[in-house]
Structures are given as structure tokens and as C-alpha cells.
Amino acid sequence: MKTTPNFQDADAFYESLLDAHSGLSREASELLNARLILIMANQLGDSALLQACIAAASQTAPPSAPPEVSPGEGQPVE
């Protein structure tokens, strides 16, 4: 699995991705991401490589969102 940038014009790719999401609801944006992931996975076509990519992405995932805080209380909502 490649872990260094390996595609041409990353900025143009990112701009295209942002444009594709422009104006979409959160749900539609999540569906677009899911479709894009499946299309890209099909292009890779290697199950072992896909599993390695999933593992790498899982290790670098940001922590869960902080707990909600009650207005004016400063304490997490349970």
C-alpha cells in the first residue's frame, strides 16, 4: 500500500471533490462519498490492498466528537 502522495494534481482533485459536494445535504454528501468509495475500490480490485487501506484509515481516524454540553451548565449531556 502506498502511503505517500501518488496522484497528479492533488489540488485539482480536492477542488473537484468539493465541487461535487457543493449544495448537497449532509445525507446526499454521505451517499456521494459512499458511491465514490465503492467506485474507487472497484478500480483497485485487490481485496488485500483494500483491507490494508481500511486498516490504515481506521488508525488515523479522528477521535469521536466531544460530548454535548448543556447550555449554561458546562457539563456533558448524558
N, C-alpha and C. Protein backbone atom coordinates (compact mmCIF):
# COMPACT_ATOMS: atom_id res chain seq x y z
N MET A 1 0.84 -1.17 0.00
CA MET A 1 0.00 0.00 0.00
C MET A 1 0.89 1.24 0.00
N LYS A 2 0.59 2.16 -0.87
CA LYS A 2 1.34 3.41 -0.94
C LYS A 2 0.85 4.34 0.17
N THR A 3 1.79 4.97 0.87
CA THR A 3 1.41 5.88 1.94
C THR A 3 1.89 7.31 1.69
N THR A 4 2.48 7.53 0.53
CA THR A 4 2.89 8.88 0.15
C THR A 4 2.02 9.33 -1.02
N PRO A 5 1.85 10.65 -1.19
CA PRO A 5 1.02 11.13 -2.31
C PRO A 5 1.47 10.51 -3.62
N ASN A 6 0.49 10.01 -4.39
CA ASN A 6 0.82 9.27 -5.60
C ASN A 6 -0.11 9.60 -6.76
N PHE A 7 -0.68 10.79 -6.78
CA PHE A 7 -1.53 11.13 -7.91
C PHE A 7 -1.22 12.55 -8.37
N GLN A 8 -1.54 12.80 -9.62
CA GLN A 8 -1.24 14.09 -10.21
C GLN A 8 -2.24 15.14 -9.75
N ASP A 9 -1.76 16.33 -9.49
CA ASP A 9 -2.57 17.50 -9.20
C ASP A 9 -3.60 17.26 -8.10
N ALA A 10 -3.09 17.02 -6.91
CA ALA A 10 -3.96 16.77 -5.75
C ALA A 10 -4.91 17.93 -5.50
N ASP A 11 -4.45 19.15 -5.74
CA ASP A 11 -5.32 20.31 -5.52
C ASP A 11 -6.53 20.29 -6.45
N ALA A 12 -6.32 19.91 -7.70
CA ALA A 12 -7.44 19.84 -8.65
C ALA A 12 -8.42 18.74 -8.24
N PHE A 13 -7.89 17.61 -7.76
CA PHE A 13 -8.76 16.54 -7.29
C PHE A 13 -9.61 17.03 -6.12
N TYR A 14 -8.98 17.68 -5.15
CA TYR A 14 -9.70 18.17 -3.98
C TYR A 14 -10.76 19.18 -4.39
N GLU A 15 -10.42 20.07 -5.31
CA GLU A 15 -11.38 21.06 -5.80
C GLU A 15 -12.57 20.37 -6.47
N SER A 16 -12.32 19.35 -7.26
CA SER A 16 -13.41 18.59 -7.90
C SER A 16 -14.29 17.91 -6.87
N LEU A 17 -13.67 17.38 -5.83
CA LEU A 17 -14.42 16.72 -4.77
C LEU A 17 -15.30 17.73 -4.03
N LEU A 18 -14.75 18.89 -3.72
CA LEU A 18 -15.54 19.94 -3.08
C LEU A 18 -16.70 20.37 -3.97
N ASP A 19 -16.43 20.54 -5.26
CA ASP A 19 -17.49 20.93 -6.21
C ASP A 19 -18.60 19.89 -6.25
N ALA A 20 -18.24 18.61 -6.21
CA ALA A 20 -19.24 17.54 -6.26
C ALA A 20 -20.15 17.59 -5.04
N HIS A 21 -19.63 18.04 -3.91
CA HIS A 21 -20.40 18.11 -2.66
C HIS A 21 -21.16 19.42 -2.51
N SER A 22 -20.83 20.39 -3.32
CA SER A 22 -21.44 21.72 -3.19
C SER A 22 -22.96 21.65 -3.32
N GLY A 23 -23.64 22.22 -2.35
CA GLY A 23 -25.09 22.29 -2.38
C GLY A 23 -25.81 21.03 -1.93
N LEU A 24 -25.08 19.98 -1.59
CA LEU A 24 -25.72 18.74 -1.16
C LEU A 24 -26.06 18.79 0.32
N SER A 25 -27.12 18.10 0.69
CA SER A 25 -27.43 17.93 2.11
C SER A 25 -26.38 16.99 2.70
N ARG A 26 -26.34 16.91 4.02
CA ARG A 26 -25.39 16.00 4.67
C ARG A 26 -25.62 14.57 4.19
N GLU A 27 -26.89 14.16 4.12
CA GLU A 27 -27.21 12.79 3.70
C GLU A 27 -26.76 12.54 2.26
N ALA A 28 -27.04 13.48 1.36
CA ALA A 28 -26.63 13.32 -0.03
C ALA A 28 -25.11 13.31 -0.16
N SER A 29 -24.43 14.11 0.65
CA SER A 29 -22.97 14.14 0.65
C SER A 29 -22.39 12.81 1.11
N GLU A 30 -23.00 12.23 2.16
CA GLU A 30 -22.54 10.93 2.64
C GLU A 30 -22.78 9.84 1.60
N LEU A 31 -23.89 9.92 0.88
CA LEU A 31 -24.16 8.94 -0.19
C LEU A 31 -23.16 9.10 -1.33
N LEU A 32 -22.82 10.34 -1.67
CA LEU A 32 -21.81 10.57 -2.70
C LEU A 32 -20.48 9.95 -2.28
N ASN A 33 -20.08 10.17 -1.02
CA ASN A 33 -18.84 9.58 -0.53
C ASN A 33 -18.88 8.06 -0.61
N ALA A 34 -19.99 7.46 -0.21
CA ALA A 34 -20.12 6.00 -0.25
C ALA A 34 -20.00 5.48 -1.69
N ARG A 35 -20.68 6.14 -2.62
CA ARG A 35 -20.59 5.72 -4.03
C ARG A 35 -19.16 5.87 -4.55
N LEU A 36 -18.53 6.99 -4.21
CA LEU A 36 -17.16 7.23 -4.66
C LEU A 36 -16.20 6.17 -4.11
N ILE A 37 -16.35 5.83 -2.84
CA ILE A 37 -15.51 4.80 -2.23
C ILE A 37 -15.67 3.47 -2.96
N LEU A 38 -16.92 3.09 -3.25
CA LEU A 38 -17.16 1.82 -3.93
C LEU A 38 -16.61 1.83 -5.36
N ILE A 39 -16.75 2.95 -6.05
CA ILE A 39 -16.20 3.05 -7.42
C ILE A 39 -14.68 2.95 -7.38
N MET A 40 -14.05 3.65 -6.44
CA MET A 40 -12.59 3.60 -6.33
C MET A 40 -12.11 2.21 -5.91
N ALA A 41 -12.84 1.57 -5.00
CA ALA A 41 -12.49 0.21 -4.58
C ALA A 41 -12.56 -0.74 -5.76
N ASN A 42 -13.55 -0.57 -6.61
CA ASN A 42 -13.66 -1.40 -7.80
C ASN A 42 -12.46 -1.18 -8.73
N GLN A 43 -11.98 0.04 -8.81
CA GLN A 43 -10.81 0.33 -9.65
C GLN A 43 -9.56 -0.36 -9.10
N LEU A 44 -9.42 -0.39 -7.76
CA LEU A 44 -8.27 -1.09 -7.17
C LEU A 44 -8.40 -2.59 -7.38
N GLY A 45 -9.56 -3.12 -7.02
CA GLY A 45 -9.87 -4.51 -7.29
C GLY A 45 -9.09 -5.56 -6.50
N ASP A 46 -8.28 -5.17 -5.56
CA ASP A 46 -7.44 -6.10 -4.81
C ASP A 46 -7.93 -6.12 -3.36
N SER A 47 -8.54 -7.23 -2.94
CA SER A 47 -9.13 -7.33 -1.60
C SER A 47 -8.12 -7.09 -0.49
N ALA A 48 -6.93 -7.65 -0.62
CA ALA A 48 -5.91 -7.48 0.42
C ALA A 48 -5.50 -6.01 0.52
N LEU A 49 -5.34 -5.35 -0.61
CA LEU A 49 -4.98 -3.94 -0.61
C LEU A 49 -6.11 -3.10 -0.01
N LEU A 50 -7.34 -3.42 -0.35
CA LEU A 50 -8.49 -2.69 0.21
C LEU A 50 -8.55 -2.86 1.73
N GLN A 51 -8.29 -4.07 2.23
CA GLN A 51 -8.28 -4.29 3.68
C GLN A 51 -7.16 -3.48 4.34
N ALA A 52 -6.01 -3.41 3.70
CA ALA A 52 -4.90 -2.62 4.24
C ALA A 52 -5.26 -1.13 4.28
N CYS A 53 -5.95 -0.67 3.26
CA CYS A 53 -6.39 0.73 3.22
C CYS A 53 -7.40 1.02 4.32
N ILE A 54 -8.33 0.10 4.54
CA ILE A 54 -9.32 0.26 5.61
C ILE A 54 -8.61 0.32 6.96
N ALA A 55 -7.66 -0.57 7.17
CA ALA A 55 -6.92 -0.59 8.44
C ALA A 55 -6.15 0.72 8.64
N ALA A 56 -5.49 1.20 7.60
CA ALA A 56 -4.73 2.45 7.71
C ALA A 56 -5.65 3.63 7.99
N ALA A 57 -6.78 3.69 7.31
CA ALA A 57 -7.72 4.79 7.53
C ALA A 57 -8.31 4.73 8.94
N SER A 58 -8.54 3.53 9.44
CA SER A 58 -9.10 3.37 10.79
C SER A 58 -8.12 3.84 11.86
N GLN A 59 -6.84 3.61 11.63
CA GLN A 59 -5.81 4.00 12.61
C GLN A 59 -5.65 5.51 12.67
N THR A 60 -5.93 6.20 11.59
CA THR A 60 -5.72 7.65 11.55
C THR A 60 -7.03 8.42 11.67
N ALA A 61 -8.12 7.72 11.97
CA ALA A 61 -9.42 8.40 12.10
C ALA A 61 -9.40 9.33 13.29
N PRO A 62 -10.04 10.50 13.15
CA PRO A 62 -10.09 11.42 14.29
C PRO A 62 -10.92 10.83 15.42
N PRO A 63 -10.68 11.28 16.65
CA PRO A 63 -11.48 10.77 17.76
C PRO A 63 -12.94 11.17 17.60
N SER A 64 -13.82 10.46 18.32
CA SER A 64 -15.24 10.80 18.24
C SER A 64 -15.46 12.22 18.71
N ALA A 65 -16.60 12.73 18.33
CA ALA A 65 -16.97 14.10 18.71
C ALA A 65 -17.06 14.20 20.23
N PRO A 66 -16.72 15.35 20.78
CA PRO A 66 -16.84 15.52 22.23
C PRO A 66 -18.30 15.46 22.65
N PRO A 67 -18.56 15.13 23.91
CA PRO A 67 -19.95 15.06 24.37
C PRO A 67 -20.62 16.42 24.28
N GLU A 68 -21.93 16.40 24.08
CA GLU A 68 -22.70 17.64 24.04
C GLU A 68 -22.70 18.26 25.43
N VAL A 69 -22.71 19.59 25.45
CA VAL A 69 -22.72 20.31 26.72
C VAL A 69 -24.05 21.03 26.84
N SER A 70 -24.66 20.93 28.02
CA SER A 70 -25.92 21.64 28.28
C SER A 70 -25.66 23.14 28.26
N PRO A 71 -26.54 23.91 27.60
CA PRO A 71 -26.35 25.36 27.57
C PRO A 71 -26.28 25.94 28.98
N GLY A 72 -25.25 26.74 29.24
CA GLY A 72 -25.11 27.43 30.50
C GLY A 72 -24.58 26.58 31.64
N GLU A 73 -24.47 25.28 31.46
CA GLU A 73 -24.04 24.42 32.55
C GLU A 73 -22.58 24.01 32.42
N GLY A 74 -22.09 23.87 31.21
CA GLY A 74 -20.72 23.45 31.01
C GLY A 74 -20.47 21.99 31.34
N GLN A 75 -21.52 21.21 31.50
CA GLN A 75 -21.38 19.79 31.81
C GLN A 75 -21.91 18.96 30.65
N PRO A 76 -21.26 17.83 30.38
CA PRO A 76 -21.76 16.97 29.29
C PRO A 76 -23.19 16.50 29.54
N VAL A 77 -23.94 16.39 28.44
CA VAL A 77 -25.30 15.86 28.49
C VAL A 77 -25.21 14.35 28.51
N GLU A 78 -25.93 13.69 29.39
CA GLU A 78 -25.88 12.23 29.44
C GLU A 78 -27.16 11.64 28.97
